[in-house]
Amino acid sequence: MNARQYSFIEISKKTVVNVADGKELGNACDVIFNGCGTIGGLVVPGRKSFLKSLTSSETIYIPWNRIIKIGQDAILVEIVGNCVGTLSSDD
């Protein structure tokens, strides 16, 4: 087991790659914690489309159990089908 610890700055500099389809999802922009203080997942900003405003995008939530490996340059995740959630600013 990899006992290495990472800071958010280190995590945010790594590209998140989905091994299921080889697509780059972007870089983590946030980390979600649960009520017990453990990490629930990473947040990656979604791709902006031409039809959406420049400030609007679908944010992707990647559950921690979908992270396969945190490497030197990339974070490998496995997202198949609709495993990924989206976050909204609605509370």
Protein backbone atom coordinates (compact mmCIF):
# COMPACT_ATOMS: atom_id res chain seq x y z
CA MET A 1 0.00 0.00 0.00
CA ASN A 2 1.25 3.44 -0.89
CA ALA A 3 1.65 5.34 2.39
CA ARG A 4 2.65 8.56 0.62
CA GLN A 5 0.80 11.68 1.72
CA TYR A 6 -0.14 14.42 -0.72
CA SER A 7 -0.99 18.07 -0.24
CA PHE A 8 -3.86 19.61 -2.15
CA ILE A 9 -1.38 21.66 -4.15
CA GLU A 10 0.34 18.44 -5.31
CA ILE A 11 -3.01 16.83 -6.17
CA SER A 12 -4.23 19.90 -8.07
CA LYS A 13 -1.16 19.89 -10.34
CA LYS A 14 -1.80 16.33 -11.53
CA THR A 15 -4.00 15.54 -14.53
CA VAL A 16 -6.97 13.28 -13.76
CA VAL A 17 -7.22 10.51 -16.40
CA ASN A 18 -10.05 8.03 -16.80
CA VAL A 19 -8.50 4.63 -17.56
CA ALA A 20 -11.83 3.30 -18.87
CA ASP A 21 -11.70 5.51 -21.98
CA GLY A 22 -8.29 7.22 -21.77
CA LYS A 23 -9.78 10.71 -21.56
CA GLU A 24 -8.20 13.50 -19.56
CA LEU A 25 -10.81 14.95 -17.22
CA GLY A 26 -8.75 17.93 -16.05
CA ASN A 27 -7.13 18.84 -12.75
CA ALA A 28 -8.72 18.56 -9.33
CA CYS A 29 -10.09 21.89 -8.14
CA ASP A 30 -11.48 20.76 -4.80
CA VAL A 31 -11.57 17.90 -2.30
CA ILE A 32 -14.80 16.78 -0.60
CA PHE A 33 -14.68 15.59 3.03
CA ASN A 34 -17.39 13.66 4.84
CA GLY A 35 -18.63 14.40 8.36
CA CYS A 36 -15.91 12.20 9.93
CA GLY A 37 -13.14 14.16 8.22
CA THR A 38 -12.14 11.50 5.69
CA ILE A 39 -11.90 12.27 2.00
CA GLY A 40 -15.05 11.46 0.05
CA GLY A 41 -13.74 12.36 -3.38
CA LEU A 42 -12.23 14.86 -5.78
CA VAL A 43 -13.92 17.59 -7.77
CA VAL A 44 -12.83 18.26 -11.35
CA PRO A 45 -14.26 21.21 -13.28
CA GLY A 46 -16.32 20.04 -16.25
CA ARG A 47 -15.63 21.02 -19.81
CA LYS A 48 -17.21 24.29 -20.86
CA SER A 49 -19.28 24.12 -24.01
CA PHE A 50 -19.72 26.81 -26.62
CA LEU A 51 -23.42 27.08 -25.84
CA LYS A 52 -22.89 27.64 -22.12
CA SER A 53 -21.66 30.88 -20.66
CA LEU A 54 -17.96 31.14 -19.92
CA THR A 55 -18.60 30.92 -16.18
CA SER A 56 -20.84 27.86 -16.39
CA SER A 57 -19.66 24.26 -16.44
CA GLU A 58 -20.70 20.89 -15.14
CA THR A 59 -18.51 20.00 -12.19
CA ILE A 60 -17.52 16.33 -11.92
CA TYR A 61 -17.39 14.59 -8.55
CA ILE A 62 -15.12 11.53 -8.49
CA PRO A 63 -15.69 9.29 -5.45
CA TRP A 64 -12.48 8.35 -3.63
CA ASN A 65 -13.10 4.64 -4.25
CA ARG A 66 -12.86 5.32 -8.01
CA ILE A 67 -9.25 6.52 -7.72
CA ILE A 68 -6.93 3.74 -8.85
CA LYS A 69 -3.53 5.37 -8.43
CA ILE A 70 -1.98 8.72 -7.71
CA GLY A 71 1.16 8.82 -9.78
CA GLN A 72 3.95 11.31 -10.27
CA ASP A 73 2.16 13.20 -13.06
CA ALA A 74 -1.41 11.90 -13.12
CA ILE A 75 -4.28 10.59 -11.04
CA LEU A 76 -5.77 7.48 -12.61
CA VAL A 77 -9.48 6.94 -12.04
CA GLU A 78 -11.91 4.36 -13.35
CA ILE A 79 -15.22 5.84 -14.39
CA VAL A 80 -17.54 3.50 -16.28
CA GLY A 81 -21.03 4.56 -17.28
CA ASN A 82 -22.72 6.90 -14.82
CA CYS A 83 -20.43 6.36 -11.82
CA VAL A 84 -19.52 10.01 -11.70
CA GLY A 85 -21.74 12.52 -9.99
CA THR A 86 -22.10 16.19 -10.69
CA LEU A 87 -22.07 18.84 -8.02
CA SER A 88 -24.39 21.79 -8.08
CA SER A 89 -24.27 24.95 -6.05
CA ASP A 90 -27.88 24.42 -4.95
CA ASP A 91 -28.17 23.74 -1.19
